[in-house]
Amino acid sequence: MPQPVQEPSTSRDFVKQSSLYQEFLAEREEILKHKWIESERLGYDIGFERALLDWIRKHRESWRAARRHHHPGPTPNSATPFPTHRAEKSAG
């Protein structure tokens, strides 16, 4: 059985440091938070796909706008915290 081909560590490091990958990770974290909150509210696990679609429909646009507002320039190694979609709702 052939062994899986390993990417060079420099390629993996480049991807992990890219702003696109950082944006993906931040969005995924928000979707997982939404999944947990909605699952708790409904009393059962709604699953990732349902949480994803619901979050996109209800929160993605405002979440992205808040990220652009708080951090307009692309910096791939930024650790600046951004408000979650729940915090935005309670603030307004």
N, C-alpha and C. Protein backbone atom coordinates (compact mmCIF):
# COMPACT_ATOMS: atom_id res chain seq x y z
N MET A 1 0.84 -1.18 0.00
CA MET A 1 0.00 0.00 0.00
C MET A 1 0.88 1.24 0.00
N PRO A 2 0.67 2.16 -0.93
CA PRO A 2 1.53 3.34 -1.00
C PRO A 2 1.29 4.29 0.16
N GLN A 3 2.36 4.94 0.58
CA GLN A 3 2.29 5.91 1.67
C GLN A 3 1.77 7.24 1.13
N PRO A 4 0.99 7.97 1.91
CA PRO A 4 0.53 9.28 1.46
C PRO A 4 1.71 10.23 1.25
N VAL A 5 1.61 11.05 0.24
CA VAL A 5 2.66 12.00 -0.06
C VAL A 5 2.56 13.17 0.92
N GLN A 6 3.67 13.49 1.55
CA GLN A 6 3.71 14.60 2.50
C GLN A 6 4.11 15.88 1.77
N GLU A 7 3.37 16.95 2.01
CA GLU A 7 3.74 18.24 1.46
C GLU A 7 4.95 18.76 2.21
N PRO A 8 5.80 19.51 1.54
CA PRO A 8 6.91 20.13 2.27
C PRO A 8 6.37 21.05 3.36
N SER A 9 7.07 21.10 4.49
CA SER A 9 6.57 21.91 5.61
C SER A 9 6.47 23.37 5.22
N THR A 10 7.29 23.85 4.32
CA THR A 10 7.20 25.26 3.91
C THR A 10 5.87 25.54 3.22
N SER A 11 5.34 24.59 2.46
CA SER A 11 4.04 24.77 1.81
C SER A 11 2.94 24.81 2.85
N ARG A 12 2.99 23.91 3.82
CA ARG A 12 1.98 23.89 4.89
C ARG A 12 2.04 25.18 5.70
N ASP A 13 3.25 25.63 6.01
CA ASP A 13 3.41 26.87 6.78
C ASP A 13 2.85 28.06 6.01
N PHE A 14 3.11 28.10 4.71
CA PHE A 14 2.61 29.20 3.89
C PHE A 14 1.08 29.23 3.92
N VAL A 15 0.46 28.07 3.77
CA VAL A 15 -1.00 28.00 3.78
C VAL A 15 -1.54 28.42 5.13
N LYS A 16 -0.95 27.92 6.20
CA LYS A 16 -1.43 28.25 7.55
C LYS A 16 -1.28 29.72 7.88
N GLN A 17 -0.33 30.40 7.26
CA GLN A 17 -0.10 31.81 7.53
C GLN A 17 -0.86 32.72 6.56
N SER A 18 -1.49 32.13 5.56
CA SER A 18 -2.18 32.95 4.57
C SER A 18 -3.43 33.59 5.18
N SER A 19 -3.76 34.78 4.69
CA SER A 19 -4.94 35.47 5.20
C SER A 19 -6.22 34.71 4.84
N LEU A 20 -6.23 34.05 3.71
CA LEU A 20 -7.41 33.27 3.31
C LEU A 20 -7.66 32.13 4.29
N TYR A 21 -6.61 31.43 4.67
CA TYR A 21 -6.75 30.33 5.63
C TYR A 21 -7.16 30.86 7.00
N GLN A 22 -6.59 31.97 7.42
CA GLN A 22 -6.96 32.57 8.71
C GLN A 22 -8.43 32.98 8.71
N GLU A 23 -8.90 33.51 7.58
CA GLU A 23 -10.30 33.90 7.46
C GLU A 23 -11.20 32.66 7.54
N PHE A 24 -10.79 31.58 6.86
CA PHE A 24 -11.54 30.33 6.91
C PHE A 24 -11.64 29.82 8.35
N LEU A 25 -10.53 29.82 9.08
CA LEU A 25 -10.54 29.34 10.46
C LEU A 25 -11.45 30.19 11.35
N ALA A 26 -11.40 31.50 11.18
CA ALA A 26 -12.24 32.39 11.98
C ALA A 26 -13.72 32.14 11.69
N GLU A 27 -14.05 31.99 10.40
CA GLU A 27 -15.44 31.74 10.03
C GLU A 27 -15.91 30.39 10.55
N ARG A 28 -15.07 29.39 10.45
CA ARG A 28 -15.40 28.05 10.94
C ARG A 28 -15.67 28.09 12.45
N GLU A 29 -14.87 28.86 13.17
CA GLU A 29 -15.06 28.98 14.62
C GLU A 29 -16.42 29.59 14.93
N GLU A 30 -16.83 30.60 14.18
CA GLU A 30 -18.14 31.21 14.38
C GLU A 30 -19.27 30.23 14.09
N ILE A 31 -19.10 29.44 13.05
CA ILE A 31 -20.12 28.44 12.70
C ILE A 31 -20.24 27.40 13.81
N LEU A 32 -19.11 26.97 14.36
CA LEU A 32 -19.14 26.00 15.45
C LEU A 32 -19.79 26.60 16.71
N LYS A 33 -19.55 27.88 16.98
CA LYS A 33 -20.22 28.54 18.10
C LYS A 33 -21.72 28.57 17.86
N HIS A 34 -22.11 28.92 16.65
CA HIS A 34 -23.53 28.97 16.29
C HIS A 34 -24.17 27.59 16.44
N LYS A 35 -23.46 26.56 16.01
CA LYS A 35 -23.95 25.18 16.13
C LYS A 35 -24.19 24.83 17.60
N TRP A 36 -23.25 25.19 18.45
CA TRP A 36 -23.39 24.88 19.87
C TRP A 36 -24.57 25.64 20.47
N ILE A 37 -24.66 26.93 20.19
CA ILE A 37 -25.74 27.76 20.76
C ILE A 37 -27.11 27.26 20.31
N GLU A 38 -27.25 27.00 19.02
CA GLU A 38 -28.55 26.55 18.50
C GLU A 38 -28.88 25.14 18.98
N SER A 39 -27.89 24.29 19.08
CA SER A 39 -28.12 22.93 19.58
C SER A 39 -28.58 22.97 21.03
N GLU A 40 -27.95 23.82 21.83
CA GLU A 40 -28.36 23.97 23.23
C GLU A 40 -29.79 24.52 23.31
N ARG A 41 -30.08 25.50 22.48
CA ARG A 41 -31.41 26.12 22.50
C ARG A 41 -32.50 25.11 22.13
N LEU A 42 -32.21 24.27 21.11
CA LEU A 42 -33.21 23.32 20.64
C LEU A 42 -33.21 22.00 21.41
N GLY A 43 -32.14 21.73 22.14
CA GLY A 43 -32.08 20.51 22.94
C GLY A 43 -31.57 19.29 22.19
N TYR A 44 -31.01 19.49 21.00
CA TYR A 44 -30.39 18.38 20.26
C TYR A 44 -29.35 18.95 19.31
N ASP A 45 -28.43 18.08 18.90
CA ASP A 45 -27.35 18.49 17.99
C ASP A 45 -27.92 18.74 16.60
N ILE A 46 -27.81 19.99 16.13
CA ILE A 46 -28.37 20.32 14.83
C ILE A 46 -27.45 19.92 13.67
N GLY A 47 -26.22 19.58 13.97
CA GLY A 47 -25.27 19.17 12.93
C GLY A 47 -24.59 20.35 12.27
N PHE A 48 -23.42 20.09 11.71
CA PHE A 48 -22.62 21.16 11.13
C PHE A 48 -23.28 21.76 9.90
N GLU A 49 -23.83 20.94 9.03
CA GLU A 49 -24.40 21.46 7.78
C GLU A 49 -25.56 22.42 8.05
N ARG A 50 -26.44 22.05 8.95
CA ARG A 50 -27.57 22.93 9.27
C ARG A 50 -27.07 24.23 9.92
N ALA A 51 -26.09 24.09 10.82
CA ALA A 51 -25.53 25.28 11.46
C ALA A 51 -24.85 26.18 10.44
N LEU A 52 -24.13 25.59 9.52
CA LEU A 52 -23.46 26.34 8.46
C LEU A 52 -24.46 27.15 7.64
N LEU A 53 -25.48 26.48 7.15
CA LEU A 53 -26.46 27.15 6.30
C LEU A 53 -27.22 28.24 7.07
N ASP A 54 -27.57 27.95 8.31
CA ASP A 54 -28.28 28.91 9.14
C ASP A 54 -27.40 30.12 9.44
N TRP A 55 -26.14 29.88 9.78
CA TRP A 55 -25.21 30.97 10.08
C TRP A 55 -24.97 31.85 8.85
N ILE A 56 -24.79 31.21 7.70
CA ILE A 56 -24.59 31.98 6.46
C ILE A 56 -25.80 32.87 6.21
N ARG A 57 -26.98 32.31 6.33
CA ARG A 57 -28.21 33.06 6.06
C ARG A 57 -28.43 34.20 7.06
N LYS A 58 -28.14 33.97 8.33
CA LYS A 58 -28.47 34.94 9.37
C LYS A 58 -27.33 35.87 9.79
N HIS A 59 -26.08 35.40 9.70
CA HIS A 59 -25.00 36.14 10.36
C HIS A 59 -23.78 36.46 9.52
N ARG A 60 -23.56 35.75 8.42
CA ARG A 60 -22.30 35.90 7.70
C ARG A 60 -22.04 37.33 7.22
N GLU A 61 -23.02 37.96 6.63
CA GLU A 61 -22.82 39.29 6.07
C GLU A 61 -22.41 40.30 7.16
N SER A 62 -23.12 40.31 8.27
CA SER A 62 -22.78 41.26 9.34
C SER A 62 -21.45 40.90 10.00
N TRP A 63 -21.15 39.61 10.11
CA TRP A 63 -19.88 39.17 10.69
C TRP A 63 -18.72 39.64 9.83
N ARG A 64 -18.84 39.46 8.52
CA ARG A 64 -17.78 39.92 7.61
C ARG A 64 -17.64 41.43 7.64
N ALA A 65 -18.75 42.14 7.69
CA ALA A 65 -18.70 43.60 7.75
C ALA A 65 -17.98 44.06 9.03
N ALA A 66 -18.26 43.40 10.13
CA ALA A 66 -17.60 43.74 11.40
C ALA A 66 -16.10 43.47 11.31
N ARG A 67 -15.72 42.39 10.68
CA ARG A 67 -14.30 42.07 10.51
C ARG A 67 -13.62 43.12 9.64
N ARG A 68 -14.27 43.53 8.57
CA ARG A 68 -13.69 44.55 7.70
C ARG A 68 -13.56 45.87 8.44
N HIS A 69 -14.58 46.20 9.23
CA HIS A 69 -14.57 47.45 9.99
C HIS A 69 -13.45 47.47 11.03
N HIS A 70 -13.28 46.38 11.75
CA HIS A 70 -12.28 46.31 12.81
C HIS A 70 -10.88 46.06 12.30
N HIS A 71 -10.77 45.49 11.10
CA HIS A 71 -9.46 45.11 10.60
C HIS A 71 -9.48 45.16 9.07
N PRO A 72 -9.43 46.36 8.48
CA PRO A 72 -9.60 46.48 7.04
C PRO A 72 -8.46 45.92 6.21
N GLY A 73 -7.24 45.92 6.72
CA GLY A 73 -6.11 45.45 5.92
C GLY A 73 -5.80 43.99 6.17
N PRO A 74 -5.32 43.26 5.16
CA PRO A 74 -4.97 41.85 5.35
C PRO A 74 -3.64 41.70 6.08
N THR A 75 -3.69 41.12 7.27
CA THR A 75 -2.47 40.74 7.98
C THR A 75 -2.63 39.31 8.42
N PRO A 76 -1.91 38.39 7.80
CA PRO A 76 -2.13 36.96 8.02
C PRO A 76 -1.85 36.48 9.44
N ASN A 77 -1.02 37.16 10.20
CA ASN A 77 -0.66 36.65 11.53
C ASN A 77 -1.37 37.40 12.64
N SER A 78 -2.46 38.07 12.32
CA SER A 78 -3.16 38.87 13.32
C SER A 78 -3.86 37.98 14.34
N ALA A 79 -3.73 38.36 15.60
CA ALA A 79 -4.42 37.64 16.68
C ALA A 79 -5.47 38.54 17.32
N THR A 80 -5.85 39.60 16.62
CA THR A 80 -6.82 40.54 17.14
C THR A 80 -8.19 39.88 17.28
N PRO A 81 -8.81 39.92 18.46
CA PRO A 81 -10.14 39.33 18.61
C PRO A 81 -11.19 40.20 17.95
N PHE A 82 -12.19 39.56 17.38
CA PHE A 82 -13.30 40.24 16.75
C PHE A 82 -14.58 39.82 17.43
N PRO A 83 -15.57 40.69 17.42
CA PRO A 83 -16.84 40.33 18.08
C PRO A 83 -17.51 39.16 17.35
N THR A 84 -18.17 38.34 18.09
CA THR A 84 -18.92 37.25 17.49
C THR A 84 -20.27 37.76 17.06
N HIS A 85 -20.99 36.98 16.27
CA HIS A 85 -22.29 37.41 15.82
C HIS A 85 -23.25 37.59 17.00
N ARG A 86 -23.08 36.85 18.06
CA ARG A 86 -23.95 36.98 19.22
C ARG A 86 -23.68 38.30 19.95
N ALA A 87 -22.40 38.66 20.07
CA ALA A 87 -22.05 39.90 20.75
C ALA A 87 -22.59 41.10 19.97
N GLU A 88 -22.54 41.04 18.64
CA GLU A 88 -23.05 42.12 17.82
C GLU A 88 -24.55 42.30 18.04
N LYS A 89 -25.27 41.20 18.15
CA LYS A 89 -26.72 41.25 18.33
C LYS A 89 -27.07 41.91 19.67
N SER A 90 -26.34 41.54 20.73
CA SER A 90 -26.67 42.07 22.05
C SER A 90 -26.25 43.52 22.21
N ALA A 91 -25.27 43.96 21.42
CA ALA A 91 -24.80 45.34 21.54
C ALA A 91 -25.77 46.31 20.88
N GLY A 92 -26.64 45.82 19.96
CA GLY A 92 -27.48 46.75 19.22
C GLY A 92 -28.85 46.82 19.65
